[in-house]
Amino acid sequence: MTIPDFQSMMRPVLALHADGLPHTAADVRNDVAAVLGVTEEERQVPLPSGRTTRYANRVAWAVSHMVQALLLERPARGVTQITQRGTEVLAKYPDRVDMSVLAQFPEYVAFRSRSRPPLTDRDRGSAGEEPTQEVSPSEAITEVVDEAHAAVAGDLLARILLRPPQFLERLVLKLLVSMGYGGLEAVTEHLGGPGDQGLDGLIRQDLLGLDVVYVQAKRYAPDRKVGRPDIQGFAGALQGAQASRGIFITTSSFSADARSYADRINARLVLIDGPELARLMVEHNCGVKVEETFALKQVDEDFFDET
C-alpha cells in the first residue's frame, strides 16, 4: 500500500491517545503502522535527504499539527497525551480528522497565519515533501521551510509555558547574546528572583559595563496580555537603575495601550511578544537545532559561456 498522507494519519494518531495516557513517539509510530497496515518495508522508505523516513516524517507532522490545535499536548520530551479538546474531536469526527477540522480552533488558525505565504491545496500531501508545481523550486522550498519553522515556533512557546519563570528569564539572555547583543564577549547577569525590583537580567554592551541593557521577561498564558501597568513598572525599574534602555519579552502579547505608552516615554524600550520571541529563537538557533540541510542547484551559465 501507499503510505497515507499526514492528514489521513491524524485521526488514527488521535485515536491511539484515547486512553488518556502518555504515549512515546516510538509507540505512536508502531501503533499507527499496525492500524493502517503500513509494512516494515514501507516504514523504511527514506526521504530524499536520507535523514529520516517518509513514514516517520508524516506521523510527526500529524502530531505537530494536532499539538498546534491543542488536541494533543507534550507533557514531556518525546511524549504526547490527548487533551479534553482532543477527546471531544474524536467523538465528533468518527471518520476523519484533518486540517479542515483543526481550522475551527483559533490557536491553529494563529499557527497557520504565522507561516507565509498562506498554504493551500498543497497541504493534502505530507508537509515538507511534495511542493506544488505552480511555483519555482526555490519558492516551494521557502514555503516548506516557513511552514516547518512556524510549527517549531509554536512548539517552542508551548514548551516554555511548561517551564518555571526562571527558565524564560535565562532563555532570553541566551537569545539576546545569540542575536549579537554585547558583542563577542557579551556579559550577562540573571537578576530574576525575590527582590529583583522588576529587572530579570542585564547585558553589558561593553567590557567596562558603561552601556547596559536590562531585560524583563513575563511567562504569561496566551490569553493574558501585558498591559500598560506592566510597562510602567518596568520603566520605573529602569529609572531606579539609572538605565535608559530595556527589553520587555513575554510569551503572550501586549495591549495597544502598553505599546503606545512604551513609544511615548523617554527610555528606549523594545517589546517582544510570544510569536516574535519564538521566531527569533528559530532564526538565531536558540533552543533549536538544524535537522536537515539541502543544496538547491542550478545550471552555471558561465560554465557554458563560450565567450
Protein backbone atom coordinates (compact mmCIF):
# COMPACT_ATOMS: atom_id res chain seq x y z
CA MET A 1 0.00 0.00 0.00
CA THR A 2 0.97 3.65 -0.35
CA ILE A 3 1.92 5.39 2.88
CA PRO A 4 -1.08 7.60 3.81
CA ASP A 5 -0.59 11.37 3.72
CA PHE A 6 -0.12 13.12 7.04
CA GLN A 7 -3.72 14.37 7.22
CA SER A 8 -5.04 10.81 6.84
CA MET A 9 -2.89 9.86 9.80
CA MET A 10 -4.39 12.46 12.13
CA ARG A 11 -7.40 10.54 13.38
CA PRO A 12 -5.57 7.22 13.84
CA VAL A 13 -2.88 9.06 15.82
CA LEU A 14 -5.51 10.84 17.92
CA ALA A 15 -7.47 7.61 18.48
CA LEU A 16 -4.36 5.92 19.87
CA HIS A 17 -4.34 8.57 22.60
CA ALA A 18 -7.98 7.98 23.56
CA ASP A 19 -6.90 6.13 26.70
CA GLY A 20 -5.69 9.43 28.13
CA LEU A 21 -2.24 8.02 28.87
CA PRO A 22 1.11 9.47 27.73
CA HIS A 23 2.49 7.86 24.57
CA THR A 24 6.07 7.95 23.32
CA ALA A 25 6.79 8.90 19.72
CA ALA A 26 8.10 5.40 19.01
CA ASP A 27 4.92 3.80 20.35
CA VAL A 28 2.78 6.11 18.23
CA ARG A 29 4.69 5.21 15.08
CA ASN A 30 4.46 1.48 15.80
CA ASP A 31 0.78 1.52 16.72
CA VAL A 32 -0.28 3.69 13.77
CA ALA A 33 1.61 1.42 11.39
CA ALA A 34 -0.30 -1.57 12.77
CA VAL A 35 -3.66 0.20 12.48
CA LEU A 36 -3.04 1.42 8.93
CA GLY A 37 -1.32 -1.71 7.72
CA VAL A 38 1.96 0.02 6.88
CA THR A 39 4.58 -2.68 6.38
CA GLU A 40 8.08 -2.64 7.83
CA GLU A 41 9.46 -2.24 4.31
CA GLU A 42 7.28 0.82 3.71
CA ARG A 43 8.32 2.26 7.06
CA GLN A 44 11.95 2.22 5.96
CA VAL A 45 11.46 4.27 2.77
CA PRO A 46 13.69 7.34 3.29
CA LEU A 47 13.08 10.94 2.40
CA PRO A 48 15.41 12.30 -0.31
CA SER A 49 17.59 13.83 2.40
CA GLY A 50 18.12 10.41 3.96
CA ARG A 51 17.85 11.88 7.48
CA THR A 52 14.51 10.27 8.31
CA THR A 53 11.86 8.08 6.71
CA ARG A 54 8.79 9.20 4.81
CA TYR A 55 6.53 7.34 7.24
CA ALA A 56 8.08 8.84 10.38
CA ASN A 57 8.01 12.28 8.79
CA ARG A 58 4.28 12.07 8.10
CA VAL A 59 3.44 10.81 11.58
CA ALA A 60 5.49 13.64 13.07
CA TRP A 61 3.64 16.23 11.00
CA ALA A 62 0.27 14.78 12.00
CA VAL A 63 1.25 15.06 15.67
CA SER A 64 2.69 18.55 15.23
CA HIS A 65 -0.46 19.96 13.63
CA MET A 66 -2.71 18.46 16.30
CA VAL A 67 -0.49 19.86 19.03
CA GLN A 68 -0.89 23.30 17.48
CA ALA A 69 -4.68 22.83 17.55
CA LEU A 70 -4.44 21.74 21.22
CA LEU A 71 -5.85 18.28 20.53
CA LEU A 72 -2.63 16.81 21.88
CA GLU A 73 -0.12 18.15 24.36
CA ARG A 74 3.50 17.31 25.13
CA PRO A 75 3.89 16.69 28.86
CA ALA A 76 7.50 15.57 28.40
CA ARG A 77 10.14 15.26 25.71
CA GLY A 78 9.10 12.81 23.00
CA VAL A 79 5.76 12.17 24.71
CA THR A 80 2.23 13.17 23.70
CA GLN A 81 -1.10 12.96 25.51
CA ILE A 82 -4.67 13.75 24.48
CA THR A 83 -6.40 16.87 25.78
CA GLN A 84 -10.06 17.40 26.59
CA ARG A 85 -10.43 19.10 23.22
CA GLY A 86 -8.87 16.10 21.53
CA THR A 87 -11.35 13.76 23.23
CA GLU A 88 -14.23 15.92 22.05
CA VAL A 89 -12.91 15.96 18.47
CA LEU A 90 -12.61 12.15 18.48
CA ALA A 91 -16.26 11.85 19.48
CA LYS A 92 -17.47 14.47 16.99
CA TYR A 93 -15.48 13.26 13.96
CA PRO A 94 -15.58 9.43 13.88
CA ASP A 95 -14.38 9.10 10.28
CA ARG A 96 -11.65 11.65 9.64
CA VAL A 97 -9.74 14.46 11.32
CA ASP A 98 -7.79 16.75 9.02
CA MET A 99 -6.75 20.38 8.62
CA SER A 100 -10.30 21.49 7.86
CA VAL A 101 -11.31 20.18 11.29
CA LEU A 102 -8.35 21.82 13.02
CA ALA A 103 -9.15 25.13 11.32
CA GLN A 104 -12.14 25.67 13.64
CA PHE A 105 -9.77 26.35 16.53
CA PRO A 106 -8.27 29.85 16.89
CA GLU A 107 -4.92 28.53 18.13
CA TYR A 108 -4.49 26.54 14.94
CA VAL A 109 -5.55 29.47 12.76
CA ALA A 110 -2.96 31.63 14.53
CA PHE A 111 -0.32 28.96 13.92
CA ARG A 112 -1.13 28.79 10.22
CA SER A 113 -1.11 32.57 9.90
CA ARG A 114 2.46 32.65 11.21
CA SER A 115 3.68 30.71 8.17
CA ARG A 116 3.98 32.73 5.00
CA PRO A 117 2.72 32.72 2.37
CA PRO A 118 -0.59 31.04 3.29
CA LEU A 119 -0.70 27.41 2.25
CA THR A 120 -3.45 25.98 0.09
CA ASP A 121 -4.13 22.65 -1.54
CA ARG A 122 -0.51 21.52 -1.34
CA ASP A 123 -1.21 20.55 2.29
CA ARG A 124 -3.16 17.49 1.20
CA GLY A 125 0.16 15.61 0.93
CA SER A 126 2.92 15.32 3.51
CA ALA A 127 4.09 18.75 4.57
CA GLY A 128 7.73 19.20 3.75
CA GLU A 129 7.76 16.61 0.96
CA GLU A 130 5.68 17.46 -2.08
CA PRO A 131 5.85 21.14 -3.10
CA THR A 132 3.34 22.47 -5.57
CA GLN A 133 4.33 22.68 -9.22
CA GLU A 134 2.82 26.15 -9.53
CA VAL A 135 5.88 27.81 -8.01
CA SER A 136 9.61 27.58 -8.64
CA PRO A 137 11.67 25.06 -6.66
CA SER A 138 13.28 27.82 -4.59
CA GLU A 139 9.87 29.30 -3.76
CA ALA A 140 8.49 25.88 -2.87
CA ILE A 141 11.41 25.18 -0.55
CA THR A 142 10.97 28.58 1.11
CA GLU A 143 7.29 27.87 1.73
CA VAL A 144 8.02 24.46 3.19
CA VAL A 145 10.73 25.84 5.48
CA ASP A 146 8.42 28.63 6.65
CA GLU A 147 5.72 26.09 7.44
CA ALA A 148 8.14 23.88 9.35
CA HIS A 149 9.59 26.80 11.30
CA ALA A 150 6.11 28.05 12.20
CA ALA A 151 5.37 24.65 13.70
CA VAL A 152 8.66 24.71 15.61
CA ALA A 153 7.92 28.23 16.88
CA GLY A 154 4.53 27.18 18.21
CA ASP A 155 6.11 24.18 19.91
CA LEU A 156 8.77 26.39 21.50
CA LEU A 157 6.17 28.63 23.13
CA ALA A 158 4.19 25.65 24.40
CA ARG A 159 7.30 24.18 25.99
CA ILE A 160 8.36 27.48 27.57
CA LEU A 161 4.97 27.76 29.26
CA LEU A 162 5.58 24.39 30.92
CA ARG A 163 8.83 25.54 32.49
CA PRO A 164 9.27 27.78 35.57
CA PRO A 165 9.56 31.56 35.07
CA GLN A 166 13.32 31.46 35.72
CA PHE A 167 13.73 29.29 32.62
CA LEU A 168 12.34 32.07 30.42
CA GLU A 169 14.48 34.68 32.18
CA ARG A 170 17.66 32.76 31.42
CA LEU A 171 16.48 31.83 27.95
CA VAL A 172 16.02 35.42 26.83
CA LEU A 173 19.53 36.32 27.93
CA LYS A 174 20.92 33.45 25.82
CA LEU A 175 18.76 34.57 22.89
CA LEU A 176 19.93 38.17 23.07
CA VAL A 177 23.56 37.04 23.10
CA SER A 178 22.82 34.83 20.07
CA MET A 179 21.39 37.92 18.38
CA GLY A 180 24.65 39.81 18.92
CA TYR A 181 23.86 41.92 21.96
CA GLY A 182 27.02 42.62 23.91
CA GLY A 183 29.36 41.70 21.05
CA LEU A 184 31.72 38.75 21.02
CA GLU A 185 32.48 38.97 24.74
CA ALA A 186 28.95 39.61 25.96
CA VAL A 187 28.50 39.59 29.73
CA THR A 188 25.04 38.69 31.01
CA GLU A 189 23.68 38.53 34.51
CA HIS A 190 20.49 36.85 35.66
CA LEU A 191 18.71 39.02 38.26
CA GLY A 192 15.32 37.31 38.49
CA GLY A 193 14.05 36.15 41.84
CA PRO A 194 12.94 37.68 45.15
CA GLY A 195 13.92 41.33 45.37
CA ASP A 196 14.78 41.67 41.69
CA GLN A 197 12.92 45.04 41.64
CA GLY A 198 11.32 44.27 38.30
CA LEU A 199 14.57 43.53 36.44
CA ASP A 200 15.14 39.92 35.41
CA GLY A 201 18.52 40.26 33.76
CA LEU A 202 21.05 42.51 32.08
CA ILE A 203 23.54 42.52 29.25
CA ARG A 204 26.68 44.65 29.42
CA GLN A 205 27.32 46.04 25.98
CA ASP A 206 30.95 46.91 26.72
CA LEU A 207 33.67 45.38 28.89
CA LEU A 208 33.57 48.23 31.40
CA GLY A 209 29.83 47.93 31.86
CA LEU A 210 29.14 51.53 30.92
CA ASP A 211 26.39 50.57 28.47
CA VAL A 212 23.82 48.21 29.99
CA VAL A 213 20.55 46.82 28.60
CA TYR A 214 18.08 45.49 31.17
CA VAL A 215 15.57 42.72 30.48
CA GLN A 216 12.14 41.89 31.85
CA ALA A 217 10.56 38.54 30.95
CA LYS A 218 6.96 37.56 31.66
CA ARG A 219 5.80 33.98 31.17
CA TYR A 220 2.10 34.63 30.59
CA ALA A 221 -0.53 32.35 29.08
CA PRO A 222 -1.71 33.42 25.59
CA ASP A 223 -4.99 34.85 26.93
CA ARG A 224 -3.26 37.21 29.36
CA LYS A 225 -1.91 40.38 27.80
CA VAL A 226 0.85 42.58 29.14
CA GLY A 227 -0.80 45.91 29.92
CA ARG A 228 0.32 49.45 30.48
CA PRO A 229 0.87 48.97 34.26
CA ASP A 230 3.46 46.26 33.50
CA ILE A 231 5.34 48.60 31.17
CA GLN A 232 5.11 51.46 33.65
CA GLY A 233 6.59 49.21 36.32
CA PHE A 234 9.46 48.22 34.03
CA ALA A 235 10.11 51.84 33.09
CA GLY A 236 10.23 52.74 36.78
CA ALA A 237 12.68 49.92 37.46
CA LEU A 238 14.91 51.19 34.64
CA GLN A 239 14.82 54.66 36.11
CA GLY A 240 15.77 53.29 39.51
CA ALA A 241 18.75 51.51 37.93
CA GLN A 242 19.71 54.73 36.11
CA ALA A 243 19.30 52.94 32.81
CA SER A 244 17.75 54.20 29.59
CA ARG A 245 17.35 51.02 27.56
CA GLY A 246 15.34 47.90 28.20
CA ILE A 247 13.79 44.88 26.51
CA PHE A 248 10.44 43.52 27.67
CA ILE A 249 9.73 39.99 26.48
CA THR A 250 6.55 38.00 27.02
CA THR A 251 5.20 34.66 25.86
CA SER A 252 1.79 36.28 25.30
CA SER A 253 1.10 39.70 23.74
CA PHE A 254 0.97 43.42 24.56
CA SER A 255 -2.12 45.56 24.76
CA ALA A 256 -2.37 48.54 22.42
CA ASP A 257 -2.16 50.84 25.46
CA ALA A 258 1.06 49.15 26.58
CA ARG A 259 2.70 49.62 23.17
CA SER A 260 1.53 53.22 22.96
CA TYR A 261 2.97 54.00 26.39
CA ALA A 262 6.31 52.36 25.51
CA ASP A 263 6.57 54.55 22.41
CA ARG A 264 5.97 57.78 24.36
CA ILE A 265 8.38 57.53 27.29
CA ASN A 266 11.97 58.74 27.26
CA ALA A 267 13.51 55.34 27.93
CA ARG A 268 14.12 53.28 24.83
CA LEU A 269 12.02 50.14 25.20
CA VAL A 270 11.78 47.19 22.85
CA LEU A 271 8.71 44.99 23.24
CA ILE A 272 8.86 41.38 22.03
CA ASP A 273 5.69 39.27 22.16
CA GLY A 274 5.34 35.48 22.08
CA PRO A 275 5.27 34.92 18.30
CA GLU A 276 8.23 37.28 17.81
CA LEU A 277 10.15 35.57 20.63
CA ALA A 278 9.63 32.16 19.03
CA ARG A 279 10.56 33.49 15.57
CA LEU A 280 13.78 34.97 16.91
CA MET A 281 14.63 31.72 18.67
CA VAL A 282 14.26 29.80 15.41
CA GLU A 283 16.17 32.41 13.40
CA HIS A 284 19.08 32.57 15.83
CA ASN A 285 19.23 28.87 16.71
CA CYS A 286 18.29 29.28 20.35
CA GLY A 287 16.58 26.15 21.66
CA VAL A 288 16.55 24.60 18.17
CA LYS A 289 18.97 22.64 16.03
CA VAL A 290 19.37 22.14 12.31
CA GLU A 291 17.67 18.90 11.33
CA GLU A 292 18.36 18.81 7.61
CA THR A 293 20.31 20.85 5.07
CA PHE A 294 19.57 20.90 1.36
CA ALA A 295 21.58 22.28 -1.56
CA LEU A 296 19.44 23.65 -4.41
CA LYS A 297 21.45 23.65 -7.61
CA GLN A 298 21.01 25.28 -11.00
CA VAL A 299 22.98 25.42 -14.23
CA ASP A 300 26.13 27.55 -14.11
CA GLU A 301 25.67 29.80 -17.12
CA ASP A 302 29.31 30.92 -17.04
CA PHE A 303 30.42 27.30 -17.49
CA PHE A 304 28.69 27.17 -20.87
CA ASP A 305 29.54 30.71 -21.97
CA GLU A 306 31.79 30.25 -24.97
CA THR A 307 32.94 33.82 -24.85
